[in-house]
Amino acid sequence: MKTADVRAMTVDQLDDEVLKLKKEQFNLRFQRATGQLENTSRVRVIRRDIARIKTVARQKREGQPEPKRAAEPPKKSAAAPKAKRAAALPKKAAKPKKSK
């Protein structure tokens, strides 16, 4: 569930959604214990959705303003990783010349 969708809900809707997700989480735990769970990643997704919804509900109850997001994250150039790698590698020491 996207954070923007969660922020659009009322506190009562958020509480109902948490209750629904808790029931699903219980069913997934039961399926895992009996060996019937096929999509194991769903457990993690549900856990994070519950945390996300609880966080937004708490913010709404406390009257905190919604966090401002940057318009676009800064773009990384393709040349930067090469420069970092080159700087991170130790430089080879010059071999002493053999004298005759």
N, C-alpha and C. Protein backbone atom coordinates (compact mmCIF):
# COMPACT_ATOMS: atom_id res chain seq x y z
N MET A 1 0.84 -1.16 0.00
CA MET A 1 0.00 0.00 0.00
C MET A 1 0.90 1.24 0.00
N LYS A 2 0.59 2.17 -0.83
CA LYS A 2 1.38 3.38 -0.98
C LYS A 2 1.08 4.37 0.15
N THR A 3 2.08 5.13 0.51
CA THR A 3 1.92 6.10 1.59
C THR A 3 0.91 7.18 1.21
N ALA A 4 0.88 7.56 -0.05
CA ALA A 4 -0.08 8.58 -0.49
C ALA A 4 -1.51 8.09 -0.30
N ASP A 5 -1.75 6.80 -0.55
CA ASP A 5 -3.08 6.23 -0.33
C ASP A 5 -3.44 6.25 1.15
N VAL A 6 -2.47 5.94 1.98
CA VAL A 6 -2.71 5.89 3.43
C VAL A 6 -3.01 7.29 3.95
N ARG A 7 -2.26 8.28 3.47
CA ARG A 7 -2.47 9.65 3.95
C ARG A 7 -3.84 10.21 3.54
N ALA A 8 -4.43 9.67 2.50
CA ALA A 8 -5.74 10.14 2.04
C ALA A 8 -6.88 9.60 2.92
N MET A 9 -6.61 8.58 3.72
CA MET A 9 -7.66 7.97 4.56
C MET A 9 -7.86 8.76 5.86
N THR A 10 -9.04 8.58 6.45
CA THR A 10 -9.31 9.18 7.75
C THR A 10 -8.74 8.25 8.83
N VAL A 11 -8.71 8.74 10.06
CA VAL A 11 -8.17 7.95 11.17
C VAL A 11 -9.01 6.69 11.38
N ASP A 12 -10.32 6.79 11.26
CA ASP A 12 -11.18 5.61 11.42
C ASP A 12 -10.92 4.58 10.33
N GLN A 13 -10.74 5.05 9.11
CA GLN A 13 -10.42 4.13 8.01
C GLN A 13 -9.08 3.46 8.24
N LEU A 14 -8.12 4.21 8.78
CA LEU A 14 -6.80 3.64 9.07
C LEU A 14 -6.90 2.55 10.14
N ASP A 15 -7.71 2.81 11.16
CA ASP A 15 -7.89 1.81 12.22
C ASP A 15 -8.52 0.53 11.66
N ASP A 16 -9.50 0.69 10.79
CA ASP A 16 -10.14 -0.48 10.16
C ASP A 16 -9.15 -1.25 9.30
N GLU A 17 -8.30 -0.52 8.58
CA GLU A 17 -7.31 -1.15 7.71
C GLU A 17 -6.27 -1.92 8.54
N VAL A 18 -5.86 -1.35 9.68
CA VAL A 18 -4.92 -2.05 10.56
C VAL A 18 -5.54 -3.34 11.07
N LEU A 19 -6.80 -3.28 11.46
CA LEU A 19 -7.49 -4.48 11.95
C LEU A 19 -7.55 -5.56 10.86
N LYS A 20 -7.85 -5.14 9.64
CA LYS A 20 -7.90 -6.09 8.52
C LYS A 20 -6.52 -6.72 8.26
N LEU A 21 -5.48 -5.89 8.29
CA LEU A 21 -4.13 -6.39 8.06
C LEU A 21 -3.64 -7.29 9.18
N LYS A 22 -4.05 -7.00 10.42
CA LYS A 22 -3.68 -7.86 11.55
C LYS A 22 -4.29 -9.24 11.40
N LYS A 23 -5.54 -9.29 10.92
CA LYS A 23 -6.18 -10.59 10.68
C LYS A 23 -5.45 -11.36 9.59
N GLU A 24 -5.07 -10.64 8.52
CA GLU A 24 -4.33 -11.30 7.45
C GLU A 24 -2.97 -11.77 7.95
N GLN A 25 -2.33 -10.98 8.79
CA GLN A 25 -1.05 -11.37 9.35
C GLN A 25 -1.18 -12.64 10.19
N PHE A 26 -2.24 -12.73 10.98
CA PHE A 26 -2.49 -13.93 11.77
C PHE A 26 -2.66 -15.14 10.87
N ASN A 27 -3.45 -14.98 9.81
CA ASN A 27 -3.67 -16.10 8.88
C ASN A 27 -2.36 -16.53 8.21
N LEU A 28 -1.53 -15.56 7.85
CA LEU A 28 -0.25 -15.90 7.23
C LEU A 28 0.67 -16.62 8.21
N ARG A 29 0.68 -16.19 9.46
CA ARG A 29 1.49 -16.88 10.47
C ARG A 29 1.01 -18.31 10.66
N PHE A 30 -0.30 -18.48 10.65
CA PHE A 30 -0.88 -19.82 10.81
C PHE A 30 -0.50 -20.70 9.62
N GLN A 31 -0.58 -20.14 8.41
CA GLN A 31 -0.19 -20.90 7.22
C GLN A 31 1.29 -21.26 7.24
N ARG A 32 2.12 -20.36 7.73
CA ARG A 32 3.55 -20.64 7.79
C ARG A 32 3.82 -21.77 8.78
N ALA A 33 3.12 -21.77 9.90
CA ALA A 33 3.32 -22.80 10.92
C ALA A 33 2.89 -24.17 10.42
N THR A 34 1.87 -24.22 9.58
CA THR A 34 1.39 -25.50 9.07
C THR A 34 2.05 -25.90 7.76
N GLY A 35 2.93 -25.03 7.25
CA GLY A 35 3.64 -25.35 6.01
C GLY A 35 2.85 -25.10 4.75
N GLN A 36 1.79 -24.32 4.82
CA GLN A 36 0.94 -24.06 3.66
C GLN A 36 1.21 -22.71 3.00
N LEU A 37 2.11 -21.93 3.59
CA LEU A 37 2.37 -20.59 3.05
C LEU A 37 3.21 -20.69 1.79
N GLU A 38 2.70 -20.12 0.70
CA GLU A 38 3.41 -20.18 -0.57
C GLU A 38 4.15 -18.89 -0.86
N ASN A 39 3.54 -17.75 -0.56
CA ASN A 39 4.16 -16.46 -0.83
C ASN A 39 4.73 -15.91 0.48
N THR A 40 5.97 -16.27 0.78
CA THR A 40 6.56 -15.89 2.06
C THR A 40 6.85 -14.40 2.15
N SER A 41 7.02 -13.72 1.05
CA SER A 41 7.32 -12.29 1.09
C SER A 41 6.11 -11.48 1.54
N ARG A 42 4.94 -12.06 1.46
CA ARG A 42 3.72 -11.35 1.87
C ARG A 42 3.74 -11.01 3.36
N VAL A 43 4.39 -11.86 4.17
CA VAL A 43 4.48 -11.61 5.61
C VAL A 43 5.19 -10.29 5.86
N ARG A 44 6.29 -10.08 5.17
CA ARG A 44 7.07 -8.86 5.32
C ARG A 44 6.29 -7.63 4.84
N VAL A 45 5.60 -7.77 3.73
CA VAL A 45 4.82 -6.66 3.17
C VAL A 45 3.72 -6.24 4.13
N ILE A 46 3.04 -7.22 4.71
CA ILE A 46 1.95 -6.93 5.65
C ILE A 46 2.50 -6.22 6.88
N ARG A 47 3.62 -6.72 7.40
CA ARG A 47 4.21 -6.12 8.59
C ARG A 47 4.57 -4.66 8.34
N ARG A 48 5.13 -4.37 7.19
CA ARG A 48 5.51 -3.00 6.88
C ARG A 48 4.30 -2.12 6.61
N ASP A 49 3.26 -2.67 6.01
CA ASP A 49 2.03 -1.90 5.79
C ASP A 49 1.40 -1.50 7.12
N ILE A 50 1.39 -2.44 8.07
CA ILE A 50 0.83 -2.14 9.39
C ILE A 50 1.62 -1.00 10.04
N ALA A 51 2.93 -1.08 9.98
CA ALA A 51 3.76 -0.02 10.57
C ALA A 51 3.53 1.31 9.88
N ARG A 52 3.41 1.30 8.57
CA ARG A 52 3.19 2.53 7.80
C ARG A 52 1.86 3.17 8.19
N ILE A 53 0.82 2.34 8.28
CA ILE A 53 -0.51 2.87 8.62
C ILE A 53 -0.53 3.40 10.04
N LYS A 54 0.10 2.68 10.97
CA LYS A 54 0.13 3.15 12.36
C LYS A 54 0.88 4.46 12.49
N THR A 55 1.93 4.62 11.73
CA THR A 55 2.71 5.86 11.77
C THR A 55 1.88 7.03 11.28
N VAL A 56 1.20 6.85 10.16
CA VAL A 56 0.37 7.93 9.61
C VAL A 56 -0.79 8.24 10.55
N ALA A 57 -1.39 7.20 11.14
CA ALA A 57 -2.51 7.42 12.08
C ALA A 57 -2.04 8.22 13.29
N ARG A 58 -0.86 7.89 13.81
CA ARG A 58 -0.32 8.63 14.95
C ARG A 58 -0.06 10.08 14.58
N GLN A 59 0.49 10.31 13.40
CA GLN A 59 0.75 11.67 12.95
C GLN A 59 -0.54 12.47 12.84
N LYS A 60 -1.58 11.83 12.33
CA LYS A 60 -2.87 12.53 12.17
C LYS A 60 -3.50 12.83 13.54
N ARG A 61 -3.38 11.90 14.48
CA ARG A 61 -3.95 12.12 15.81
C ARG A 61 -3.23 13.24 16.54
N GLU A 62 -1.93 13.35 16.35
CA GLU A 62 -1.14 14.38 17.01
C GLU A 62 -1.21 15.71 16.27
N GLY A 63 -1.76 15.71 15.08
CA GLY A 63 -1.89 16.93 14.31
C GLY A 63 -0.60 17.38 13.66
N GLN A 64 0.31 16.45 13.45
CA GLN A 64 1.56 16.80 12.78
C GLN A 64 1.31 17.07 11.31
N PRO A 65 1.99 18.06 10.75
CA PRO A 65 1.82 18.31 9.32
C PRO A 65 2.46 17.18 8.52
N GLU A 66 1.97 17.01 7.32
CA GLU A 66 2.54 15.98 6.45
C GLU A 66 3.95 16.39 6.06
N PRO A 67 4.86 15.43 6.02
CA PRO A 67 6.23 15.78 5.66
C PRO A 67 6.33 16.24 4.21
N LYS A 68 7.17 17.22 3.99
CA LYS A 68 7.39 17.72 2.64
C LYS A 68 8.40 16.82 1.95
N ARG A 69 8.16 16.52 0.71
CA ARG A 69 9.07 15.67 -0.06
C ARG A 69 9.75 16.50 -1.11
N ALA A 70 10.97 16.12 -1.38
CA ALA A 70 11.71 16.80 -2.44
C ALA A 70 11.06 16.46 -3.78
N ALA A 71 11.12 17.40 -4.70
CA ALA A 71 10.50 17.19 -6.00
C ALA A 71 11.11 15.99 -6.72
N GLU A 72 12.43 15.93 -6.70
CA GLU A 72 13.10 14.85 -7.39
C GLU A 72 14.46 14.63 -6.74
N PRO A 73 14.83 13.39 -6.48
CA PRO A 73 16.14 13.16 -5.86
C PRO A 73 17.26 13.52 -6.83
N PRO A 74 18.41 13.90 -6.29
CA PRO A 74 19.51 14.27 -7.19
C PRO A 74 19.96 13.07 -8.01
N LYS A 75 20.33 13.35 -9.25
CA LYS A 75 20.74 12.27 -10.15
C LYS A 75 22.23 12.01 -9.98
N LYS A 76 22.59 10.75 -10.04
CA LYS A 76 23.98 10.36 -9.92
C LYS A 76 24.56 10.20 -11.32
N SER A 77 25.78 10.66 -11.48
CA SER A 77 26.41 10.51 -12.78
C SER A 77 27.05 9.14 -12.87
N ALA A 78 27.18 8.64 -14.06
CA ALA A 78 27.76 7.32 -14.28
C ALA A 78 29.26 7.33 -14.06
N ALA A 79 29.90 8.48 -14.17
CA ALA A 79 31.36 8.55 -14.04
C ALA A 79 31.81 8.53 -12.58
N ALA A 80 30.95 8.90 -11.67
CA ALA A 80 31.34 8.99 -10.27
C ALA A 80 31.81 7.66 -9.68
N PRO A 81 31.12 6.54 -9.90
CA PRO A 81 31.60 5.30 -9.30
C PRO A 81 32.98 4.89 -9.79
N LYS A 82 33.30 5.15 -11.05
CA LYS A 82 34.62 4.80 -11.57
C LYS A 82 35.69 5.61 -10.87
N ALA A 83 35.42 6.88 -10.66
CA ALA A 83 36.39 7.75 -10.00
C ALA A 83 36.61 7.29 -8.56
N LYS A 84 35.56 6.87 -7.90
CA LYS A 84 35.68 6.40 -6.52
C LYS A 84 36.51 5.13 -6.48
N ARG A 85 36.24 4.22 -7.41
CA ARG A 85 36.99 2.96 -7.43
C ARG A 85 38.47 3.22 -7.67
N ALA A 86 38.77 4.12 -8.59
CA ALA A 86 40.16 4.41 -8.91
C ALA A 86 40.85 5.03 -7.70
N ALA A 87 40.16 5.87 -6.97
CA ALA A 87 40.75 6.51 -5.81
C ALA A 87 40.91 5.52 -4.66
N ALA A 88 40.06 4.53 -4.59
CA ALA A 88 40.09 3.58 -3.50
C ALA A 88 41.20 2.54 -3.67
N LEU A 89 41.60 2.29 -4.90
CA LEU A 89 42.63 1.30 -5.15
C LEU A 89 44.00 1.85 -4.77
N PRO A 90 44.84 1.02 -4.14
CA PRO A 90 46.18 1.52 -3.81
C PRO A 90 47.02 1.66 -5.08
N LYS A 91 47.85 2.66 -5.09
CA LYS A 91 48.69 2.89 -6.26
C LYS A 91 49.89 1.96 -6.18
N LYS A 92 50.28 1.48 -7.34
CA LYS A 92 51.42 0.57 -7.39
C LYS A 92 52.70 1.38 -7.17
N ALA A 93 53.54 0.80 -6.35
CA ALA A 93 54.82 1.47 -6.10
C ALA A 93 55.74 1.25 -7.30
N ALA A 94 56.53 2.23 -7.59
CA ALA A 94 57.47 2.12 -8.71
C ALA A 94 58.56 1.12 -8.33
N LYS A 95 58.87 0.25 -9.26
CA LYS A 95 59.91 -0.74 -9.00
C LYS A 95 61.27 -0.06 -9.14
N PRO A 96 62.14 -0.35 -8.20
CA PRO A 96 63.47 0.24 -8.33
C PRO A 96 64.21 -0.39 -9.52
N LYS A 97 64.91 0.45 -10.24
CA LYS A 97 65.66 -0.05 -11.40
C LYS A 97 66.91 -0.75 -10.92
N LYS A 98 67.22 -1.82 -11.60
CA LYS A 98 68.41 -2.57 -11.25
C LYS A 98 69.62 -1.83 -11.80
N SER A 99 70.61 -1.70 -11.00
CA SER A 99 71.84 -1.06 -11.47
C SER A 99 72.81 -2.12 -11.94
N LYS A 100 73.59 -1.81 -12.97
CA LYS A 100 74.52 -2.80 -13.53
C LYS A 100 75.90 -2.60 -13.02
